PDB file of all heavy atoms in Angstrom:
ATOM      1  N   SER A   1       3.132  -2.764  14.755  1.00  0.00           N
ATOM      2  CA  SER A   1       3.117  -2.088  16.054  1.00  0.00           C
ATOM      3  C   SER A   1       2.434  -2.948  17.114  1.00  0.00           C
ATOM      4  O   SER A   1       2.959  -3.131  18.220  1.00  0.00           O
ATOM      5  CB  SER A   1       2.405  -0.733  15.949  1.00  0.00           C
ATOM      6  OG  SER A   1       2.348  -0.100  17.210  1.00  0.00           O
ATOM      7  N   ALA A   2       1.261  -3.516  16.771  1.00  0.00           N
ATOM      8  CA  ALA A   2       0.536  -4.373  17.718  1.00  0.00           C
ATOM      9  C   ALA A   2       1.328  -5.642  17.999  1.00  0.00           C
ATOM     10  O   ALA A   2       1.353  -6.129  19.142  1.00  0.00           O
ATOM     11  CB  ALA A   2      -0.841  -4.726  17.154  1.00  0.00           C
ATOM     12  N   PHE A   3       1.984  -6.175  16.970  1.00  0.00           N
ATOM     13  CA  PHE A   3       2.793  -7.385  17.126  1.00  0.00           C
ATOM     14  C   PHE A   3       3.952  -7.151  18.092  1.00  0.00           C
ATOM     15  O   PHE A   3       4.180  -7.928  19.022  1.00  0.00           O
ATOM     16  CB  PHE A   3       3.312  -7.822  15.754  1.00  0.00           C
ATOM     17  CG  PHE A   3       4.356  -8.898  15.800  1.00  0.00           C
ATOM     18  CD1 PHE A   3       4.015 -10.208  16.117  1.00  0.00           C
ATOM     19  CD2 PHE A   3       5.684  -8.608  15.519  1.00  0.00           C
ATOM     20  CE1 PHE A   3       4.976 -11.209  16.161  1.00  0.00           C
ATOM     21  CE2 PHE A   3       6.651  -9.602  15.550  1.00  0.00           C
ATOM     22  CZ  PHE A   3       6.292 -10.905  15.875  1.00  0.00           C
ATOM     23  N   ARG A   4       4.687  -6.059  17.892  1.00  0.00           N
ATOM     24  CA  ARG A   4       5.836  -5.771  18.762  1.00  0.00           C
ATOM     25  C   ARG A   4       5.395  -5.531  20.203  1.00  0.00           C
ATOM     26  O   ARG A   4       6.072  -5.937  21.153  1.00  0.00           O
ATOM     27  CB  ARG A   4       6.606  -4.557  18.228  1.00  0.00           C
ATOM     28  CG  ARG A   4       7.394  -4.852  16.956  1.00  0.00           C
ATOM     29  CD  ARG A   4       8.353  -3.711  16.640  1.00  0.00           C
ATOM     30  NE  ARG A   4       9.105  -3.929  15.411  1.00  0.00           N
ATOM     31  CZ  ARG A   4      10.212  -4.647  15.330  1.00  0.00           C
ATOM     32  NH1 ARG A   4      10.706  -5.232  16.430  1.00  0.00           N
ATOM     33  NH2 ARG A   4      10.853  -4.791  14.182  1.00  0.00           N
ATOM     34  N   GLN A   5       4.270  -4.877  20.369  1.00  0.00           N
ATOM     35  CA  GLN A   5       3.764  -4.623  21.716  1.00  0.00           C
ATOM     36  C   GLN A   5       3.400  -5.930  22.419  1.00  0.00           C
ATOM     37  O   GLN A   5       3.680  -6.114  23.607  1.00  0.00           O
ATOM     38  CB  GLN A   5       2.540  -3.702  21.650  1.00  0.00           C
ATOM     39  CG  GLN A   5       2.009  -3.288  23.012  1.00  0.00           C
ATOM     40  CD  GLN A   5       0.862  -2.292  22.900  1.00  0.00           C
ATOM     41  OE1 GLN A   5       0.456  -1.905  21.802  1.00  0.00           O
ATOM     42  NE2 GLN A   5       0.337  -1.863  24.029  1.00  0.00           N
ATOM     43  N   GLN A   6       2.797  -6.832  21.666  1.00  0.00           N
ATOM     44  CA  GLN A   6       2.388  -8.109  22.253  1.00  0.00           C
ATOM     45  C   GLN A   6       3.584  -8.958  22.661  1.00  0.00           C
ATOM     46  O   GLN A   6       3.619  -9.524  23.760  1.00  0.00           O
ATOM     47  CB  GLN A   6       1.510  -8.881  21.277  1.00  0.00           C
ATOM     48  CG  GLN A   6       0.969 -10.183  21.860  1.00  0.00           C
ATOM     49  CD  GLN A   6      -0.032 -10.860  20.963  1.00  0.00           C
ATOM     50  OE1 GLN A   6      -0.051 -12.089  20.823  1.00  0.00           O
ATOM     51  NE2 GLN A   6      -0.900 -10.088  20.335  1.00  0.00           N
ATOM     52  N   ILE A   7       4.585  -9.063  21.799  1.00  0.00           N
ATOM     53  CA  ILE A   7       5.720  -9.920  22.139  1.00  0.00           C
ATOM     54  C   ILE A   7       6.578  -9.294  23.234  1.00  0.00           C
ATOM     55  O   ILE A   7       7.187 -10.001  24.039  1.00  0.00           O
ATOM     56  CB  ILE A   7       6.575 -10.264  20.899  1.00  0.00           C
ATOM     57  CG1 ILE A   7       7.239  -9.028  20.309  1.00  0.00           C
ATOM     58  CG2 ILE A   7       5.748 -10.985  19.856  1.00  0.00           C
ATOM     59  CD1 ILE A   7       8.264  -9.344  19.232  1.00  0.00           C
ATOM     60  N   LYS A   8       6.620  -7.962  23.293  1.00  0.00           N
ATOM     61  CA  LYS A   8       7.392  -7.284  24.347  1.00  0.00           C
ATOM     62  C   LYS A   8       6.839  -7.637  25.718  1.00  0.00           C
ATOM     63  O   LYS A   8       7.596  -7.847  26.676  1.00  0.00           O
ATOM     64  CB  LYS A   8       7.361  -5.770  24.133  1.00  0.00           C
ATOM     65  CG  LYS A   8       8.185  -4.998  25.157  1.00  0.00           C
ATOM     66  CD  LYS A   8       8.132  -3.498  24.879  1.00  0.00           C
ATOM     67  CE  LYS A   8       8.937  -2.731  25.923  1.00  0.00           C
ATOM     68  NZ  LYS A   8       8.883  -1.255  25.677  1.00  0.00           N
ATOM     69  N   SER A   9       5.503  -7.720  25.816  1.00  0.00           N
ATOM     70  CA  SER A   9       4.872  -8.046  27.100  1.00  0.00           C
ATOM     71  C   SER A   9       5.182  -9.467  27.547  1.00  0.00           C
ATOM     72  O   SER A   9       5.010  -9.813  28.713  1.00  0.00           O
ATOM     73  CB  SER A   9       3.351  -7.852  27.004  1.00  0.00           C
ATOM     74  OG  SER A   9       2.758  -8.830  26.154  1.00  0.00           O
ATOM     75  N   LYS A  10       5.643 -10.305  26.615  1.00  0.00           N
ATOM     76  CA  LYS A  10       5.971 -11.695  26.935  1.00  0.00           C
ATOM     77  C   LYS A  10       7.484 -11.929  27.016  1.00  0.00           C
ATOM     78  O   LYS A  10       7.932 -13.075  27.069  1.00  0.00           O
ATOM     79  CB  LYS A  10       5.359 -12.629  25.886  1.00  0.00           C
ATOM     80  CG  LYS A  10       3.833 -12.629  25.891  1.00  0.00           C
ATOM     81  CD  LYS A  10       3.281 -13.602  24.873  1.00  0.00           C
ATOM     82  CE  LYS A  10       1.761 -13.625  24.901  1.00  0.00           C
ATOM     83  NZ  LYS A  10       1.225 -14.131  26.176  1.00  0.00           N
ATOM     84  N   GLY A  11       8.248 -10.840  27.015  1.00  0.00           N
ATOM     85  CA  GLY A  11       9.693 -10.980  27.126  1.00  0.00           C
ATOM     86  C   GLY A  11      10.352 -11.500  25.862  1.00  0.00           C
ATOM     87  O   GLY A  11      11.413 -12.115  25.920  1.00  0.00           O
ATOM     88  N   LEU A  12       9.740 -11.239  24.705  1.00  0.00           N
ATOM     89  CA  LEU A  12      10.271 -11.700  23.427  1.00  0.00           C
ATOM     90  C   LEU A  12      10.730 -10.509  22.592  1.00  0.00           C
ATOM     91  O   LEU A  12      10.332  -9.373  22.840  1.00  0.00           O
ATOM     92  CB  LEU A  12       9.207 -12.489  22.654  1.00  0.00           C
ATOM     93  CG  LEU A  12       8.511 -13.633  23.382  1.00  0.00           C
ATOM     94  CD1 LEU A  12       7.424 -14.228  22.500  1.00  0.00           C
ATOM     95  CD2 LEU A  12       9.511 -14.686  23.814  1.00  0.00           C
ATOM     96  N   GLU A  13      11.548 -10.765  21.603  1.00  0.00           N
ATOM     97  CA  GLU A  13      11.973  -9.717  20.684  1.00  0.00           C
ATOM     98  C   GLU A  13      11.947 -10.255  19.257  1.00  0.00           C
ATOM     99  O   GLU A  13      12.079 -11.458  19.025  1.00  0.00           O
ATOM    100  CB  GLU A  13      13.368  -9.207  21.038  1.00  0.00           C
ATOM    101  CG  GLU A  13      14.459 -10.263  21.026  1.00  0.00           C
ATOM    102  CD  GLU A  13      15.801  -9.726  21.508  1.00  0.00           C
ATOM    103  OE1 GLU A  13      15.827  -8.615  22.084  1.00  0.00           O
ATOM    104  OE2 GLU A  13      16.824 -10.430  21.311  1.00  0.00           O
ATOM    105  N   TYR A  14      11.791  -9.338  18.309  1.00  0.00           N
ATOM    106  CA  TYR A  14      11.668  -9.702  16.891  1.00  0.00           C
ATOM    107  C   TYR A  14      12.869  -9.196  16.112  1.00  0.00           C
ATOM    108  O   TYR A  14      13.312  -8.063  16.297  1.00  0.00           O
ATOM    109  CB  TYR A  14      10.391  -9.096  16.305  1.00  0.00           C
ATOM    110  CG  TYR A  14      10.208  -9.331  14.816  1.00  0.00           C
ATOM    111  CD1 TYR A  14       9.952 -10.603  14.333  1.00  0.00           C
ATOM    112  CD2 TYR A  14      10.291  -8.278  13.910  1.00  0.00           C
ATOM    113  CE1 TYR A  14       9.789 -10.829  12.968  1.00  0.00           C
ATOM    114  CE2 TYR A  14      10.119  -8.496  12.551  1.00  0.00           C
ATOM    115  CZ  TYR A  14       9.865  -9.777  12.088  1.00  0.00           C
ATOM    116  OH  TYR A  14       9.703  -9.996  10.740  1.00  0.00           O
ATOM    117  N   HIS A  15      13.403 -10.062  15.249  1.00  0.00           N
ATOM    118  CA  HIS A  15      14.521  -9.700  14.385  1.00  0.00           C
ATOM    119  C   HIS A  15      14.105  -9.922  12.939  1.00  0.00           C
ATOM    120  O   HIS A  15      13.803 -11.045  12.535  1.00  0.00           O
ATOM    121  CB  HIS A  15      15.749 -10.549  14.714  1.00  0.00           C
ATOM    122  CG  HIS A  15      16.267 -10.342  16.098  1.00  0.00           C
ATOM    123  ND1 HIS A  15      17.303  -9.481  16.383  1.00  0.00           N
ATOM    124  CD2 HIS A  15      15.870 -10.867  17.286  1.00  0.00           C
ATOM    125  CE1 HIS A  15      17.540  -9.496  17.690  1.00  0.00           C
ATOM    126  NE2 HIS A  15      16.693 -10.329  18.255  1.00  0.00           N
ATOM    127  N   GLU A  16      14.101  -8.851  12.168  1.00  0.00           N
ATOM    128  CA  GLU A  16      13.697  -8.952  10.765  1.00  0.00           C
ATOM    129  C   GLU A  16      14.827  -9.508   9.908  1.00  0.00           C
ATOM    130  O   GLU A  16      15.991  -9.132  10.071  1.00  0.00           O
ATOM    131  CB  GLU A  16      13.283  -7.579  10.251  1.00  0.00           C
ATOM    132  CG  GLU A  16      12.778  -7.584   8.814  1.00  0.00           C
ATOM    133  CD  GLU A  16      12.355  -6.216   8.353  1.00  0.00           C
ATOM    134  OE1 GLU A  16      11.194  -5.817   8.646  1.00  0.00           O
ATOM    135  OE2 GLU A  16      13.180  -5.531   7.709  1.00  0.00           O
ATOM    136  N   LEU A  17      14.484 -10.398   8.994  1.00  0.00           N
ATOM    137  CA  LEU A  17      15.445 -10.946   8.042  1.00  0.00           C
ATOM    138  C   LEU A  17      15.334 -10.286   6.676  1.00  0.00           C
ATOM    139  O   LEU A  17      16.330 -10.019   6.013  1.00  0.00           O
ATOM    140  CB  LEU A  17      15.243 -12.460   7.900  1.00  0.00           C
ATOM    141  CG  LEU A  17      15.629 -13.303   9.119  1.00  0.00           C
ATOM    142  CD1 LEU A  17      15.171 -14.737   8.928  1.00  0.00           C
ATOM    143  CD2 LEU A  17      17.130 -13.255   9.361  1.00  0.00           C
ATOM    144  N   THR A  18      14.104 -10.011   6.249  1.00  0.00           N
ATOM    145  CA  THR A  18      13.894  -9.378   4.950  1.00  0.00           C
ATOM    146  C   THR A  18      12.468  -8.868   4.851  1.00  0.00           C
ATOM    147  O   THR A  18      11.634  -9.143   5.719  1.00  0.00           O
ATOM    148  CB  THR A  18      14.177 -10.376   3.804  1.00  0.00           C
ATOM    149  OG1 THR A  18      14.151  -9.693   2.561  1.00  0.00           O
ATOM    150  CG2 THR A  18      13.158 -11.504   3.790  1.00  0.00           C
ATOM    151  N   LYS A  19      12.195  -8.123   3.787  1.00  0.00           N
ATOM    152  CA  LYS A  19      10.844  -7.643   3.494  1.00  0.00           C
ATOM    153  C   LYS A  19      10.419  -8.176   2.131  1.00  0.00           C
ATOM    154  O   LYS A  19      11.261  -8.480   1.278  1.00  0.00           O
ATOM    155  CB  LYS A  19      10.790  -6.116   3.484  1.00  0.00           C
ATOM    156  CG  LYS A  19      10.796  -5.455   4.857  1.00  0.00           C
ATOM    157  CD  LYS A  19      10.519  -3.968   4.703  1.00  0.00           C
ATOM    158  CE  LYS A  19      10.291  -3.320   6.062  1.00  0.00           C
ATOM    159  NZ  LYS A  19      11.541  -3.174   6.815  1.00  0.00           N
ATOM    160  N   ALA A  20       9.114  -8.266   1.936  1.00  0.00           N
ATOM    161  CA  ALA A  20       8.609  -8.806   0.668  1.00  0.00           C
ATOM    162  C   ALA A  20       7.215  -8.259   0.383  1.00  0.00           C
ATOM    163  O   ALA A  20       6.528  -7.772   1.284  1.00  0.00           O
ATOM    164  CB  ALA A  20       8.557 -10.328   0.732  1.00  0.00           C
ATOM    165  N   PRO A  21       6.776  -8.334  -0.869  1.00  0.00           N
ATOM    166  CA  PRO A  21       5.427  -7.882  -1.229  1.00  0.00           C
ATOM    167  C   PRO A  21       4.376  -8.972  -1.025  1.00  0.00           C
ATOM    168  O   PRO A  21       4.709 -10.128  -0.760  1.00  0.00           O
ATOM    169  CB  PRO A  21       5.574  -7.555  -2.710  1.00  0.00           C
ATOM    170  CG  PRO A  21       6.618  -8.522  -3.190  1.00  0.00           C
ATOM    171  CD  PRO A  21       7.581  -8.683  -2.043  1.00  0.00           C
ATOM    172  N   LEU A  22       3.126  -8.584  -1.166  1.00  0.00           N
ATOM    173  CA  LEU A  22       2.010  -9.531  -1.135  1.00  0.00           C
ATOM    174  C   LEU A  22       1.713 -10.033  -2.546  1.00  0.00           C
ATOM    175  O   LEU A  22       1.915  -9.317  -3.526  1.00  0.00           O
ATOM    176  CB  LEU A  22       0.754  -8.863  -0.577  1.00  0.00           C
ATOM    177  CG  LEU A  22       0.619  -8.707   0.933  1.00  0.00           C
ATOM    178  CD1 LEU A  22      -0.670  -7.966   1.246  1.00  0.00           C
ATOM    179  CD2 LEU A  22       0.624 -10.055   1.622  1.00  0.00           C
ATOM    180  N   TYR A  23       1.198 -11.259  -2.595  1.00  0.00           N
ATOM    181  CA  TYR A  23       0.791 -11.848  -3.875  1.00  0.00           C
ATOM    182  C   TYR A  23      -0.617 -12.424  -3.742  1.00  0.00           C
ATOM    183  O   TYR A  23      -1.038 -12.825  -2.648  1.00  0.00           O
ATOM    184  CB  TYR A  23       1.737 -12.972  -4.289  1.00  0.00           C
ATOM    185  CG  TYR A  23       3.043 -12.502  -4.885  1.00  0.00           C
ATOM    186  CD1 TYR A  23       4.073 -12.058  -4.074  1.00  0.00           C
ATOM    187  CD2 TYR A  23       3.245 -12.518  -6.266  1.00  0.00           C
ATOM    188  CE1 TYR A  23       5.283 -11.627  -4.616  1.00  0.00           C
ATOM    189  CE2 TYR A  23       4.450 -12.095  -6.823  1.00  0.00           C
ATOM    190  CZ  TYR A  23       5.460 -11.653  -5.989  1.00  0.00           C
ATOM    191  OH  TYR A  23       6.640 -11.229  -6.524  1.00  0.00           O
ATOM    192  N   LEU A  24      -1.303 -12.476  -4.852  1.00  0.00           N
ATOM    193  CA  LEU A  24      -2.565 -13.207  -4.947  1.00  0.00           C
ATOM    194  C   LEU A  24      -2.271 -14.506  -5.680  1.00  0.00           C
ATOM    195  O   LEU A  24      -1.735 -14.493  -6.797  1.00  0.00           O
ATOM    196  CB  LEU A  24      -3.614 -12.408  -5.712  1.00  0.00           C
ATOM    197  CG  LEU A  24      -4.916 -13.162  -6.024  1.00  0.00           C
ATOM    198  CD1 LEU A  24      -5.703 -13.423  -4.740  1.00  0.00           C
ATOM    199  CD2 LEU A  24      -5.773 -12.390  -7.032  1.00  0.00           C
ATOM    200  N   PHE A  25      -2.611 -15.631  -5.061  1.00  0.00           N
ATOM    201  CA  PHE A  25      -2.386 -16.939  -5.669  1.00  0.00           C
ATOM    202  C   PHE A  25      -3.705 -17.459  -6.231  1.00  0.00           C
ATOM    203  O   PHE A  25      -4.697 -17.555  -5.498  1.00  0.00           O
ATOM    204  CB  PHE A  25      -1.825 -17.910  -4.630  1.00  0.00           C
ATOM    205  CG  PHE A  25      -0.475 -17.505  -4.109  1.00  0.00           C
ATOM    206  CD1 PHE A  25      -0.364 -16.697  -2.990  1.00  0.00           C
ATOM    207  CD2 PHE A  25       0.678 -17.910  -4.746  1.00  0.00           C
ATOM    208  CE1 PHE A  25       0.871 -16.302  -2.511  1.00  0.00           C
ATOM    209  CE2 PHE A  25       1.923 -17.526  -4.283  1.00  0.00           C
ATOM    210  CZ  PHE A  25       2.022 -16.716  -3.161  1.00  0.00           C
ATOM    211  N   VAL A  26      -3.716 -17.781  -7.520  1.00  0.00           N
ATOM    212  CA  VAL A  26      -4.943 -18.242  -8.170  1.00  0.00           C
ATOM    213  C   VAL A  26      -4.642 -19.387  -9.130  1.00  0.00           C
ATOM    214  O   VAL A  26      -3.526 -19.523  -9.636  1.00  0.00           O
ATOM    215  CB  VAL A  26      -5.654 -17.107  -8.950  1.00  0.00           C
ATOM    216  CG1 VAL A  26      -6.170 -16.037  -8.001  1.00  0.00           C
ATOM    217  CG2 VAL A  26      -4.722 -16.512  -9.989  1.00  0.00           C
ATOM    218  N   GLY A  27      -5.669 -20.207  -9.371  1.00  0.00           N
ATOM    219  CA  GLY A  27      -5.586 -21.265 -10.357  1.00  0.00           C
ATOM    220  C   GLY A  27      -6.257 -20.848 -11.654  1.00  0.00           C
ATOM    221  O   GLY A  27      -6.771 -19.727 -11.779  1.00  0.00           O
ATOM    222  N   LYS A  28      -6.308 -21.755 -12.624  1.00  0.00           N
ATOM    223  CA  LYS A  28      -6.821 -21.425 -13.950  1.00  0.00           C
ATOM    224  C   LYS A  28      -8.318 -21.122 -13.962  1.00  0.00           C
ATOM    225  O   LYS A  28      -8.837 -20.562 -14.933  1.00  0.00           O
ATOM    226  CB  LYS A  28      -6.511 -22.567 -14.920  1.00  0.00           C
ATOM    227  CG  LYS A  28      -5.012 -22.726 -15.171  1.00  0.00           C
ATOM    228  CD  LYS A  28      -4.713 -23.838 -16.163  1.00  0.00           C
ATOM    229  CE  LYS A  28      -3.204 -23.948 -16.404  1.00  0.00           C
ATOM    230  NZ  LYS A  28      -2.857 -25.033 -17.356  1.00  0.00           N
ATOM    231  N   ASN A  29      -9.031 -21.503 -12.894  1.00  0.00           N
ATOM    232  CA  ASN A  29     -10.466 -21.225 -12.846  1.00  0.00           C
ATOM    233  C   ASN A  29     -10.778 -19.823 -12.338  1.00  0.00           C
ATOM    234  O   ASN A  29     -11.933 -19.413 -12.305  1.00  0.00           O
ATOM    235  CB  ASN A  29     -11.172 -22.249 -11.947  1.00  0.00           C
ATOM    236  CG  ASN A  29     -11.180 -23.635 -12.550  1.00  0.00           C
ATOM    237  OD1 ASN A  29     -11.415 -23.786 -13.751  1.00  0.00           O
ATOM    238  ND2 ASN A  29     -10.906 -24.643 -11.756  1.00  0.00           N
ATOM    239  N   SER A  30      -9.768 -19.101 -11.923  1.00  0.00           N
ATOM    240  CA  SER A  30      -9.985 -17.745 -11.413  1.00  0.00           C
ATOM    241  C   SER A  30     -10.109 -16.752 -12.565  1.00  0.00           C
ATOM    242  O   SER A  30      -9.354 -16.824 -13.544  1.00  0.00           O
ATOM    243  CB  SER A  30      -8.823 -17.331 -10.511  1.00  0.00           C
ATOM    244  OG  SER A  30      -8.897 -15.941 -10.219  1.00  0.00           O
ATOM    245  N   PRO A  31     -11.030 -15.794 -12.449  1.00  0.00           N
ATOM    246  CA  PRO A  31     -11.163 -14.771 -13.498  1.00  0.00           C
ATOM    247  C   PRO A  31      -9.945 -13.849 -13.572  1.00  0.00           C
ATOM    248  O   PRO A  31      -9.782 -13.116 -14.550  1.00  0.00           O
ATOM    249  CB  PRO A  31     -12.414 -13.996 -13.066  1.00  0.00           C
ATOM    250  CG  PRO A  31     -12.541 -14.249 -11.599  1.00  0.00           C
ATOM    251  CD  PRO A  31     -12.036 -15.640 -11.389  1.00  0.00           C
ATOM    252  N   LEU A  32      -9.068 -13.902 -12.569  1.00  0.00           N
ATOM    253  CA  LEU A  32      -7.891 -13.036 -12.544  1.00  0.00           C
ATOM    254  C   LEU A  32      -6.618 -13.762 -12.993  1.00  0.00           C
ATOM    255  O   LEU A  32      -5.529 -13.183 -12.956  1.00  0.00           O
ATOM    256  CB  LEU A  32      -7.681 -12.472 -11.133  1.00  0.00           C
ATOM    257  CG  LEU A  32      -8.827 -11.651 -10.544  1.00  0.00           C
ATOM    258  CD1 LEU A  32      -8.485 -11.207  -9.130  1.00  0.00           C
ATOM    259  CD2 LEU A  32      -9.128 -10.443 -11.422  1.00  0.00           C
ATOM    260  N   TYR A  33      -6.760 -14.991 -13.438  1.00  0.00           N
ATOM    261  CA  TYR A  33      -5.586 -15.834 -13.704  1.00  0.00           C
ATOM    262  C   TYR A  33      -4.625 -15.214 -14.714  1.00  0.00           C
ATOM    263  O   TYR A  33      -3.405 -15.351 -14.588  1.00  0.00           O
ATOM    264  CB  TYR A  33      -6.038 -17.212 -14.202  1.00  0.00           C
ATOM    265  CG  TYR A  33      -4.898 -18.172 -14.445  1.00  0.00           C
ATOM    266  CD1 TYR A  33      -4.262 -18.804 -13.371  1.00  0.00           C
ATOM    267  CD2 TYR A  33      -4.435 -18.449 -15.739  1.00  0.00           C
ATOM    268  CE1 TYR A  33      -3.208 -19.683 -13.576  1.00  0.00           C
ATOM    269  CE2 TYR A  33      -3.385 -19.326 -15.950  1.00  0.00           C
ATOM    270  CZ  TYR A  33      -2.777 -19.936 -14.867  1.00  0.00           C
ATOM    271  OH  TYR A  33      -1.726 -20.801 -15.078  1.00  0.00           O
ATOM    272  N   ARG A  34      -5.124 -14.531 -15.711  1.00  0.00           N
ATOM    273  CA  ARG A  34      -4.260 -13.993 -16.770  1.00  0.00           C
ATOM    274  C   ARG A  34      -3.732 -12.594 -16.457  1.00  0.00           C
ATOM    275  O   ARG A  34      -3.009 -12.001 -17.263  1.00  0.00           O
ATOM    276  CB  ARG A  34      -5.006 -13.986 -18.111  1.00  0.00           C
ATOM    277  CG  ARG A  34      -5.405 -15.392 -18.555  1.00  0.00           C
ATOM    278  CD  ARG A  34      -5.917 -15.424 -19.984  1.00  0.00           C
ATOM    279  NE  ARG A  34      -6.288 -16.776 -20.379  1.00  0.00           N
ATOM    280  CZ  ARG A  34      -5.427 -17.711 -20.762  1.00  0.00           C
ATOM    281  NH1 ARG A  34      -4.140 -17.435 -20.823  1.00  0.00           N
ATOM    282  NH2 ARG A  34      -5.849 -18.910 -21.097  1.00  0.00           N
ATOM    283  N   LYS A  35      -4.050 -12.084 -15.308  1.00  0.00           N
ATOM    284  CA  LYS A  35      -3.568 -10.760 -14.922  1.00  0.00           C
ATOM    285  C   LYS A  35      -2.077 -10.807 -14.586  1.00  0.00           C
ATOM    286  O   LYS A  35      -1.591 -11.760 -13.985  1.00  0.00           O
ATOM    287  CB  LYS A  35      -4.339 -10.250 -13.706  1.00  0.00           C
ATOM    288  CG  LYS A  35      -5.823 -10.008 -13.944  1.00  0.00           C
ATOM    289  CD  LYS A  35      -6.036  -8.705 -14.688  1.00  0.00           C
ATOM    290  CE  LYS A  35      -7.521  -8.379 -14.793  1.00  0.00           C
ATOM    291  NZ  LYS A  35      -7.753  -7.103 -15.509  1.00  0.00           N
ATOM    292  N   LYS A  36      -1.357  -9.751 -14.974  1.00  0.00           N
ATOM    293  CA  LYS A  36       0.064  -9.659 -14.622  1.00  0.00           C
ATOM    294  C   LYS A  36       0.252  -9.053 -13.240  1.00  0.00           C
ATOM    295  O   LYS A  36       1.252  -9.290 -12.570  1.00  0.00           O
ATOM    296  CB  LYS A  36       0.805  -8.830 -15.670  1.00  0.00           C
ATOM    297  CG  LYS A  36       0.882  -9.506 -17.033  1.00  0.00           C
ATOM    298  CD  LYS A  36       1.700  -8.678 -18.004  1.00  0.00           C
ATOM    299  CE  LYS A  36       1.801  -9.392 -19.354  1.00  0.00           C
ATOM    300  NZ  LYS A  36       2.595  -8.603 -20.335  1.00  0.00           N
TER     301      LYS A  36
END
């Protein structure tokens, strides 16, 4: 909502291509590395 309001004030528009989930990226030293 804040993003669309900001770009509208600048004469811009947004076109969505797709949606996706968030991920946590970790290396082998992370205590969460083996989590699914």
